[in-house]
Amino acid sequence: MRHPGSKTISVTRTVTNVGPPSTYVVNTHGPKGIKVLVKPCSLTFKRTGEKKKFQVILQPIGARRGLFGNLSWTDGKHRVTSPITILP
């Protein structure tokens, strides 16, 4: 994704549950100079194959010093990680 400059960028993603019912909570590690917010901050799946959407919001908070970060979802047993890459 392009560097947000001074603007906030929002992206919506869809995930599919491939395991048993569970609740996943998000953890973020944003690129330096970018605040990463995820809404909602938890996803509860009741069945295998169920789809859920979440929104990733990137807010500039200072001079950009990093290009890479990630967000991960965990239910305490499993972890799913997605990279965040900011293009100059």
PDB file of N, CA and C in Angstrom:
ATOM      1  N   MET A   1       0.843  -1.161   0.000  1.00  0.00           N
ATOM      2  CA  MET A   1       0.000   0.000   0.000  1.00  0.00           C
ATOM      3  C   MET A   1       0.887   1.222   0.000  1.00  0.00           C
ATOM      4  N   ARG A   2       0.442   2.275  -0.580  1.00  0.00           N
ATOM      5  CA  ARG A   2       1.209   3.513  -0.651  1.00  0.00           C
ATOM      6  C   ARG A   2       1.289   4.181   0.706  1.00  0.00           C
ATOM      7  N   HIS A   3       2.419   4.854   0.956  1.00  0.00           N
ATOM      8  CA  HIS A   3       2.567   5.577   2.214  1.00  0.00           C
ATOM      9  C   HIS A   3       1.451   6.604   2.325  1.00  0.00           C
ATOM     10  N   PRO A   4       0.779   6.667   3.495  1.00  0.00           N
ATOM     11  CA  PRO A   4      -0.364   7.550   3.625  1.00  0.00           C
ATOM     12  C   PRO A   4      -0.041   9.031   3.683  1.00  0.00           C
ATOM     13  N   GLY A   5       1.241   9.416   3.733  1.00  0.00           N
ATOM     14  CA  GLY A   5       1.568  10.835   3.836  1.00  0.00           C
ATOM     15  C   GLY A   5       0.937  11.387   5.093  1.00  0.00           C
ATOM     16  N   SER A   6       0.070  12.389   4.948  1.00  0.00           N
ATOM     17  CA  SER A   6      -0.604  12.957   6.116  1.00  0.00           C
ATOM     18  C   SER A   6      -2.057  12.500   6.194  1.00  0.00           C
ATOM     19  N   LYS A   7      -2.458  11.590   5.325  1.00  0.00           N
ATOM     20  CA  LYS A   7      -3.837  11.109   5.299  1.00  0.00           C
ATOM     21  C   LYS A   7      -3.968   9.743   5.943  1.00  0.00           C
ATOM     22  N   THR A   8      -5.128   9.507   6.553  1.00  0.00           N
ATOM     23  CA  THR A   8      -5.445   8.196   7.101  1.00  0.00           C
ATOM     24  C   THR A   8      -5.940   7.307   5.969  1.00  0.00           C
ATOM     25  N   ILE A   9      -5.495   6.067   5.962  1.00  0.00           N
ATOM     26  CA  ILE A   9      -5.914   5.097   4.949  1.00  0.00           C
ATOM     27  C   ILE A   9      -6.646   3.962   5.644  1.00  0.00           C
ATOM     28  N   SER A  10      -7.741   3.516   5.030  1.00  0.00           N
ATOM     29  CA  SER A  10      -8.524   2.411   5.580  1.00  0.00           C
ATOM     30  C   SER A  10      -8.665   1.323   4.518  1.00  0.00           C
ATOM     31  N   VAL A  11      -8.457   0.073   4.949  1.00  0.00           N
ATOM     32  CA  VAL A  11      -8.557  -1.079   4.052  1.00  0.00           C
ATOM     33  C   VAL A  11      -9.426  -2.129   4.734  1.00  0.00           C
ATOM     34  N   THR A  12     -10.341  -2.735   3.988  1.00  0.00           N
ATOM     35  CA  THR A  12     -11.181  -3.805   4.534  1.00  0.00           C
ATOM     36  C   THR A  12     -10.689  -5.137   4.004  1.00  0.00           C
ATOM     37  N   ARG A  13     -10.584  -6.117   4.889  1.00  0.00           N
ATOM     38  CA  ARG A  13     -10.134  -7.460   4.534  1.00  0.00           C
ATOM     39  C   ARG A  13     -11.159  -8.481   5.009  1.00  0.00           C
ATOM     40  N   THR A  14     -11.205  -9.625   4.328  1.00  0.00           N
ATOM     41  CA  THR A  14     -12.082 -10.724   4.700  1.00  0.00           C
ATOM     42  C   THR A  14     -11.228 -11.945   4.998  1.00  0.00           C
ATOM     43  N   VAL A  15     -11.557 -12.635   6.094  1.00  0.00           N
ATOM     44  CA  VAL A  15     -10.855 -13.863   6.462  1.00  0.00           C
ATOM     45  C   VAL A  15     -11.868 -14.993   6.578  1.00  0.00           C
ATOM     46  N   THR A  16     -11.393 -16.214   6.360  1.00  0.00           N
ATOM     47  CA  THR A  16     -12.239 -17.402   6.442  1.00  0.00           C
ATOM     48  C   THR A  16     -11.690 -18.330   7.516  1.00  0.00           C
ATOM     49  N   ASN A  17     -12.550 -18.776   8.411  1.00  0.00           N
ATOM     50  CA  ASN A  17     -12.142 -19.707   9.452  1.00  0.00           C
ATOM     51  C   ASN A  17     -11.941 -21.097   8.853  1.00  0.00           C
ATOM     52  N   VAL A  18     -10.794 -21.708   9.120  1.00  0.00           N
ATOM     53  CA  VAL A  18     -10.507 -23.052   8.611  1.00  0.00           C
ATOM     54  C   VAL A  18     -10.427 -24.081   9.739  1.00  0.00           C
ATOM     55  N   GLY A  19     -10.675 -23.624  10.978  1.00  0.00           N
ATOM     56  CA  GLY A  19     -10.584 -24.525  12.118  1.00  0.00           C
ATOM     57  C   GLY A  19     -11.885 -24.597  12.891  1.00  0.00           C
ATOM     58  N   PRO A  20     -11.804 -25.078  14.113  1.00  0.00           N
ATOM     59  CA  PRO A  20     -13.001 -25.193  14.952  1.00  0.00           C
ATOM     60  C   PRO A  20     -13.464 -23.803  15.410  1.00  0.00           C
ATOM     61  N   PRO A  21     -14.655 -23.722  16.007  1.00  0.00           N
ATOM     62  CA  PRO A  21     -15.129 -22.445  16.543  1.00  0.00           C
ATOM     63  C   PRO A  21     -14.104 -21.858  17.527  1.00  0.00           C
ATOM     64  N   SER A  22     -13.916 -20.534  17.438  1.00  0.00           N
ATOM     65  CA  SER A  22     -12.931 -19.886  18.292  1.00  0.00           C
ATOM     66  C   SER A  22     -13.078 -18.377  18.188  1.00  0.00           C
ATOM     67  N   THR A  23     -12.480 -17.669  19.133  1.00  0.00           N
ATOM     68  CA  THR A  23     -12.409 -16.208  19.088  1.00  0.00           C
ATOM     69  C   THR A  23     -10.952 -15.809  18.959  1.00  0.00           C
ATOM     70  N   TYR A  24     -10.670 -14.974  17.975  1.00  0.00           N
ATOM     71  CA  TYR A  24      -9.325 -14.491  17.711  1.00  0.00           C
ATOM     72  C   TYR A  24      -9.232 -13.016  18.092  1.00  0.00           C
ATOM     73  N   VAL A  25      -8.142 -12.641  18.738  1.00  0.00           N
ATOM     74  CA  VAL A  25      -7.886 -11.264  19.148  1.00  0.00           C
ATOM     75  C   VAL A  25      -6.680 -10.761  18.364  1.00  0.00           C
ATOM     76  N   VAL A  26      -6.744  -9.494  17.927  1.00  0.00           N
ATOM     77  CA  VAL A  26      -5.681  -8.948  17.086  1.00  0.00           C
ATOM     78  C   VAL A  26      -4.569  -8.315  17.913  1.00  0.00           C
ATOM     79  N   ASN A  27      -3.362  -8.357  17.353  1.00  0.00           N
ATOM     80  CA  ASN A  27      -2.193  -7.687  17.900  1.00  0.00           C
ATOM     81  C   ASN A  27      -1.487  -7.042  16.717  1.00  0.00           C
ATOM     82  N   THR A  28      -1.095  -5.772  16.839  1.00  0.00           N
ATOM     83  CA  THR A  28      -0.457  -5.083  15.717  1.00  0.00           C
ATOM     84  C   THR A  28       0.944  -4.611  16.068  1.00  0.00           C
ATOM     85  N   HIS A  29       1.778  -4.589  15.052  1.00  0.00           N
ATOM     86  CA  HIS A  29       3.131  -4.024  15.112  1.00  0.00           C
ATOM     87  C   HIS A  29       3.270  -3.185  13.855  1.00  0.00           C
ATOM     88  N   GLY A  30       2.948  -1.907  13.956  1.00  0.00           N
ATOM     89  CA  GLY A  30       2.960  -1.045  12.777  1.00  0.00           C
ATOM     90  C   GLY A  30       4.343  -0.593  12.388  1.00  0.00           C
ATOM     91  N   PRO A  31       4.488  -0.191  11.136  1.00  0.00           N
ATOM     92  CA  PRO A  31       5.742   0.449  10.724  1.00  0.00           C
ATOM     93  C   PRO A  31       5.955   1.702  11.570  1.00  0.00           C
ATOM     94  N   LYS A  32       7.182   2.031  11.901  1.00  0.00           N
ATOM     95  CA  LYS A  32       7.458   3.211  12.718  1.00  0.00           C
ATOM     96  C   LYS A  32       6.931   4.457  12.007  1.00  0.00           C
ATOM     97  N   GLY A  33       6.218   5.284  12.770  1.00  0.00           N
ATOM     98  CA  GLY A  33       5.626   6.496  12.215  1.00  0.00           C
ATOM     99  C   GLY A  33       4.200   6.297  11.739  1.00  0.00           C
ATOM    100  N   ILE A  34       3.684   5.062  11.846  1.00  0.00           N
ATOM    101  CA  ILE A  34       2.318   4.741  11.426  1.00  0.00           C
ATOM    102  C   ILE A  34       1.599   4.034  12.575  1.00  0.00           C
ATOM    103  N   LYS A  35       0.438   4.549  12.960  1.00  0.00           N
ATOM    104  CA  LYS A  35      -0.391   3.890  13.960  1.00  0.00           C
ATOM    105  C   LYS A  35      -1.349   2.965  13.227  1.00  0.00           C
ATOM    106  N   VAL A  36      -1.438   1.718  13.670  1.00  0.00           N
ATOM    107  CA  VAL A  36      -2.314   0.730  13.035  1.00  0.00           C
ATOM    108  C   VAL A  36      -3.465   0.414  13.984  1.00  0.00           C
ATOM    109  N   LEU A  37      -4.682   0.629  13.502  1.00  0.00           N
ATOM    110  CA  LEU A  37      -5.890   0.290  14.249  1.00  0.00           C
ATOM    111  C   LEU A  37      -6.635  -0.793  13.481  1.00  0.00           C
ATOM    112  N   VAL A  38      -7.245  -1.728  14.200  1.00  0.00           N
ATOM    113  CA  VAL A  38      -8.027  -2.786  13.560  1.00  0.00           C
ATOM    114  C   VAL A  38      -9.403  -2.801  14.213  1.00  0.00           C
ATOM    115  N   LYS A  39     -10.433  -2.778  13.379  1.00  0.00           N
ATOM    116  CA  LYS A  39     -11.817  -2.811  13.867  1.00  0.00           C
ATOM    117  C   LYS A  39     -12.573  -3.919  13.157  1.00  0.00           C
ATOM    118  N   PRO A  40     -13.206  -4.830  13.861  1.00  0.00           N
ATOM    119  CA  PRO A  40     -13.174  -4.979  15.314  1.00  0.00           C
ATOM    120  C   PRO A  40     -11.838  -5.569  15.751  1.00  0.00           C
ATOM    121  N   CYS A  41     -11.584  -5.523  17.055  1.00  0.00           N
ATOM    122  CA  CYS A  41     -10.303  -6.026  17.578  1.00  0.00           C
ATOM    123  C   CYS A  41     -10.375  -7.510  17.921  1.00  0.00           C
ATOM    124  N   SER A  42     -11.554  -8.126  17.755  1.00  0.00           N
ATOM    125  CA  SER A  42     -11.660  -9.576  17.920  1.00  0.00           C
ATOM    126  C   SER A  42     -12.688 -10.120  16.933  1.00  0.00           C
ATOM    127  N   LEU A  43     -12.492 -11.368  16.534  1.00  0.00           N
ATOM    128  CA  LEU A  43     -13.395 -12.042  15.599  1.00  0.00           C
ATOM    129  C   LEU A  43     -13.808 -13.371  16.211  1.00  0.00           C
ATOM    130  N   THR A  44     -15.113 -13.607  16.295  1.00  0.00           N
ATOM    131  CA  THR A  44     -15.620 -14.866  16.834  1.00  0.00           C
ATOM    132  C   THR A  44     -16.221 -15.684  15.704  1.00  0.00           C
ATOM    133  N   PHE A  45     -15.669 -16.884  15.526  1.00  0.00           N
ATOM    134  CA  PHE A  45     -16.142 -17.804  14.497  1.00  0.00           C
ATOM    135  C   PHE A  45     -16.928 -18.925  15.169  1.00  0.00           C
ATOM    136  N   LYS A  46     -18.089 -19.226  14.612  1.00  0.00           N
ATOM    137  CA  LYS A  46     -18.936 -20.278  15.186  1.00  0.00           C
ATOM    138  C   LYS A  46     -18.870 -21.578  14.399  1.00  0.00           C
ATOM    139  N   ARG A  47     -18.289 -21.509  13.170  1.00  0.00           N
ATOM    140  CA  ARG A  47     -18.202 -22.723  12.364  1.00  0.00           C
ATOM    141  C   ARG A  47     -17.040 -22.625  11.371  1.00  0.00           C
ATOM    142  N   THR A  48     -16.592 -23.760  10.901  1.00  0.00           N
ATOM    143  CA  THR A  48     -15.568 -23.822   9.864  1.00  0.00           C
ATOM    144  C   THR A  48     -16.157 -23.264   8.571  1.00  0.00           C
ATOM    145  N   GLY A  49     -15.378 -22.480   7.858  1.00  0.00           N
ATOM    146  CA  GLY A  49     -15.822 -21.891   6.592  1.00  0.00           C
ATOM    147  C   GLY A  49     -16.504 -20.543   6.754  1.00  0.00           C
ATOM    148  N   GLU A  50     -16.766 -20.116   7.980  1.00  0.00           N
ATOM    149  CA  GLU A  50     -17.412 -18.824   8.218  1.00  0.00           C
ATOM    150  C   GLU A  50     -16.455 -17.690   7.848  1.00  0.00           C
ATOM    151  N   LYS A  51     -16.991 -16.646   7.218  1.00  0.00           N
ATOM    152  CA  LYS A  51     -16.198 -15.491   6.802  1.00  0.00           C
ATOM    153  C   LYS A  51     -16.500 -14.303   7.699  1.00  0.00           C
ATOM    154  N   LYS A  52     -15.472 -13.510   7.973  1.00  0.00           N
ATOM    155  CA  LYS A  52     -15.601 -12.282   8.759  1.00  0.00           C
ATOM    156  C   LYS A  52     -14.790 -11.188   8.081  1.00  0.00           C
ATOM    157  N   LYS A  53     -15.275  -9.960   8.186  1.00  0.00           N
ATOM    158  CA  LYS A  53     -14.547  -8.802   7.658  1.00  0.00           C
ATOM    159  C   LYS A  53     -13.977  -7.999   8.810  1.00  0.00           C
ATOM    160  N   PHE A  54     -12.832  -7.356   8.544  1.00  0.00           N
ATOM    161  CA  PHE A  54     -12.257  -6.427   9.498  1.00  0.00           C
ATOM    162  C   PHE A  54     -11.631  -5.273   8.725  1.00  0.00           C
ATOM    163  N   GLN A  55     -11.461  -4.161   9.409  1.00  0.00           N
ATOM    164  CA  GLN A  55     -10.931  -2.948   8.798  1.00  0.00           C
ATOM    165  C   GLN A  55      -9.574  -2.637   9.422  1.00  0.00           C
ATOM    166  N   VAL A  56      -8.610  -2.318   8.575  1.00  0.00           N
ATOM    167  CA  VAL A  56      -7.285  -1.892   9.027  1.00  0.00           C
ATOM    168  C   VAL A  56      -7.169  -0.406   8.711  1.00  0.00           C
ATOM    169  N   ILE A  57      -6.867   0.395   9.734  1.00  0.00           N
ATOM    170  CA  ILE A  57      -6.753   1.836   9.578  1.00  0.00           C
ATOM    171  C   ILE A  57      -5.308   2.231   9.864  1.00  0.00           C
ATOM    172  N   LEU A  58      -4.693   2.927   8.916  1.00  0.00           N
ATOM    173  CA  LEU A  58      -3.305   3.382   9.065  1.00  0.00           C
ATOM    174  C   LEU A  58      -3.317   4.895   9.228  1.00  0.00           C
ATOM    175  N   GLN A  59      -2.765   5.373  10.360  1.00  0.00           N
ATOM    176  CA  GLN A  59      -2.732   6.802  10.650  1.00  0.00           C
ATOM    177  C   GLN A  59      -1.291   7.256  10.830  1.00  0.00           C
ATOM    178  N   PRO A  60      -0.850   8.237  10.035  1.00  0.00           N
ATOM    179  CA  PRO A  60       0.501   8.772  10.236  1.00  0.00           C
ATOM    180  C   PRO A  60       0.577   9.470  11.595  1.00  0.00           C
ATOM    181  N   ILE A  61       1.648   9.220  12.339  1.00  0.00           N
ATOM    182  CA  ILE A  61       1.809   9.860  13.650  1.00  0.00           C
ATOM    183  C   ILE A  61       3.150  10.570  13.783  1.00  0.00           C
ATOM    184  N   GLY A  62       3.872  10.660  12.716  1.00  0.00           N
ATOM    185  CA  GLY A  62       5.171  11.325  12.775  1.00  0.00           C
ATOM    186  C   GLY A  62       5.957  10.998  11.526  1.00  0.00           C
ATOM    187  N   ALA A  63       7.232  11.323  11.561  1.00  0.00           N
ATOM    188  CA  ALA A  63       8.090  11.040  10.420  1.00  0.00           C
ATOM    189  C   ALA A  63       8.151   9.534  10.199  1.00  0.00           C
ATOM    190  N   ARG A  64       7.981   9.139   8.972  1.00  0.00           N
ATOM    191  CA  ARG A  64       8.047   7.712   8.655  1.00  0.00           C
ATOM    192  C   ARG A  64       9.470   7.224   8.844  1.00  0.00           C
ATOM    193  N   ARG A  65       9.600   6.158   9.605  1.00  0.00           N
ATOM    194  CA  ARG A  65      10.922   5.582   9.843  1.00  0.00           C
ATOM    195  C   ARG A  65      10.937   4.100   9.555  1.00  0.00           C
ATOM    196  N   GLY A  66       9.799   3.571   9.131  1.00  0.00           N
ATOM    197  CA  GLY A  66       9.738   2.147   8.859  1.00  0.00           C
ATOM    198  C   GLY A  66       8.811   1.852   7.702  1.00  0.00           C
ATOM    199  N   LEU A  67       9.065   0.751   7.030  1.00  0.00           N
ATOM    200  CA  LEU A  67       8.244   0.349   5.902  1.00  0.00           C
ATOM    201  C   LEU A  67       7.458  -0.920   6.178  1.00  0.00           C
ATOM    202  N   PHE A  68       7.841  -1.661   7.227  1.00  0.00           N
ATOM    203  CA  PHE A  68       7.250  -2.970   7.441  1.00  0.00           C
ATOM    204  C   PHE A  68       6.671  -3.102   8.845  1.00  0.00           C
ATOM    205  N   GLY A  69       5.587  -3.840   8.934  1.00  0.00           N
ATOM    206  CA  GLY A  69       4.953  -4.169  10.194  1.00  0.00           C
ATOM    207  C   GLY A  69       4.122  -5.418   9.977  1.00  0.00           C
ATOM    208  N   ASN A  70       3.261  -5.732  10.931  1.00  0.00           N
ATOM    209  CA  ASN A  70       2.365  -6.876  10.750  1.00  0.00           C
ATOM    210  C   ASN A  70       1.195  -6.776  11.718  1.00  0.00           C
ATOM    211  N   LEU A  71       0.192  -7.558  11.424  1.00  0.00           N
ATOM    212  CA  LEU A  71      -0.887  -7.747  12.380  1.00  0.00           C
ATOM    213  C   LEU A  71      -1.094  -9.241  12.495  1.00  0.00           C
ATOM    214  N   SER A  72      -1.434  -9.674  13.693  1.00  0.00           N
ATOM    215  CA  SER A  72      -1.644 -11.106  13.899  1.00  0.00           C
ATOM    216  C   SER A  72      -2.899 -11.320  14.731  1.00  0.00           C
ATOM    217  N   TRP A  73      -3.581 -12.398  14.420  1.00  0.00           N
ATOM    218  CA  TRP A  73      -4.776 -12.822  15.140  1.00  0.00           C
ATOM    219  C   TRP A  73      -4.423 -14.093  15.900  1.00  0.00           C
ATOM    220  N   THR A  74      -4.815 -14.168  17.180  1.00  0.00           N
ATOM    221  CA  THR A  74      -4.557 -15.389  17.938  1.00  0.00           C
ATOM    222  C   THR A  74      -5.756 -15.746  18.809  1.00  0.00           C
ATOM    223  N   ASP A  75      -5.960 -17.040  18.956  1.00  0.00           N
ATOM    224  CA  ASP A  75      -6.985 -17.541  19.874  1.00  0.00           C
ATOM    225  C   ASP A  75      -6.327 -18.162  21.103  1.00  0.00           C
ATOM    226  N   GLY A  76      -5.032 -17.909  21.269  1.00  0.00           N
ATOM    227  CA  GLY A  76      -4.277 -18.482  22.381  1.00  0.00           C
ATOM    228  C   GLY A  76      -3.622 -19.802  22.028  1.00  0.00           C
ATOM    229  N   LYS A  77      -4.089 -20.419  20.966  1.00  0.00           N
ATOM    230  CA  LYS A  77      -3.545 -21.692  20.516  1.00  0.00           C
ATOM    231  C   LYS A  77      -2.969 -21.573  19.101  1.00  0.00           C
ATOM    232  N   HIS A  78      -3.659 -20.842  18.258  1.00  0.00           N
ATOM    233  CA  HIS A  78      -3.262 -20.645  16.859  1.00  0.00           C
ATOM    234  C   HIS A  78      -2.962 -19.170  16.617  1.00  0.00           C
ATOM    235  N   ARG A  79      -2.095 -18.904  15.642  1.00  0.00           N
ATOM    236  CA  ARG A  79      -1.746 -17.527  15.282  1.00  0.00           C
ATOM    237  C   ARG A  79      -1.749 -17.411  13.762  1.00  0.00           C
ATOM    238  N   VAL A  80      -2.408 -16.359  13.275  1.00  0.00           N
ATOM    239  CA  VAL A  80      -2.431 -16.036  11.844  1.00  0.00           C
ATOM    240  C   VAL A  80      -1.857 -14.640  11.694  1.00  0.00           C
ATOM    241  N   THR A  81      -0.788 -14.504  10.907  1.00  0.00           N
ATOM    242  CA  THR A  81      -0.089 -13.222  10.761  1.00  0.00           C
ATOM    243  C   THR A  81      -0.140 -12.738   9.322  1.00  0.00           C
ATOM    244  N   SER A  82      -0.361 -11.430   9.162  1.00  0.00           N
ATOM    245  CA  SER A  82      -0.353 -10.789   7.849  1.00  0.00           C
ATOM    246  C   SER A  82       0.655  -9.643   7.873  1.00  0.00           C
ATOM    247  N   PRO A  83       1.474  -9.527   6.830  1.00  0.00           N
ATOM    248  CA  PRO A  83       2.424  -8.419   6.783  1.00  0.00           C
ATOM    249  C   PRO A  83       1.734  -7.110   6.442  1.00  0.00           C
ATOM    250  N   ILE A  84       2.330  -6.015   6.898  1.00  0.00           N
ATOM    251  CA  ILE A  84       1.930  -4.669   6.494  1.00  0.00           C
ATOM    252  C   ILE A  84       3.156  -4.055   5.855  1.00  0.00           C
ATOM    253  N   THR A  85       3.045  -3.645   4.607  1.00  0.00           N
ATOM    254  CA  THR A  85       4.153  -3.037   3.894  1.00  0.00           C
ATOM    255  C   THR A  85       3.701  -1.686   3.358  1.00  0.00           C
ATOM    256  N   ILE A  86       4.459  -0.644   3.652  1.00  0.00           N
ATOM    257  CA  ILE A  86       4.170   0.700   3.174  1.00  0.00           C
ATOM    258  C   ILE A  86       5.161   1.010   2.053  1.00  0.00           C
ATOM    259  N   LEU A  87       4.627   1.306   0.877  1.00  0.00           N
ATOM    260  CA  LEU A  87       5.473   1.648  -0.264  1.00  0.00           C
ATOM    261  C   LEU A  87       5.766   3.147  -0.245  1.00  0.00           C
ATOM    262  N   PRO A  88       6.990   3.535  -0.568  1.00  0.00           N
ATOM    263  CA  PRO A  88       7.336   4.964  -0.573  1.00  0.00           C
ATOM    264  C   PRO A  88       6.597   5.712  -1.667  1.00  0.00           C
TER     265      PRO A  88
END
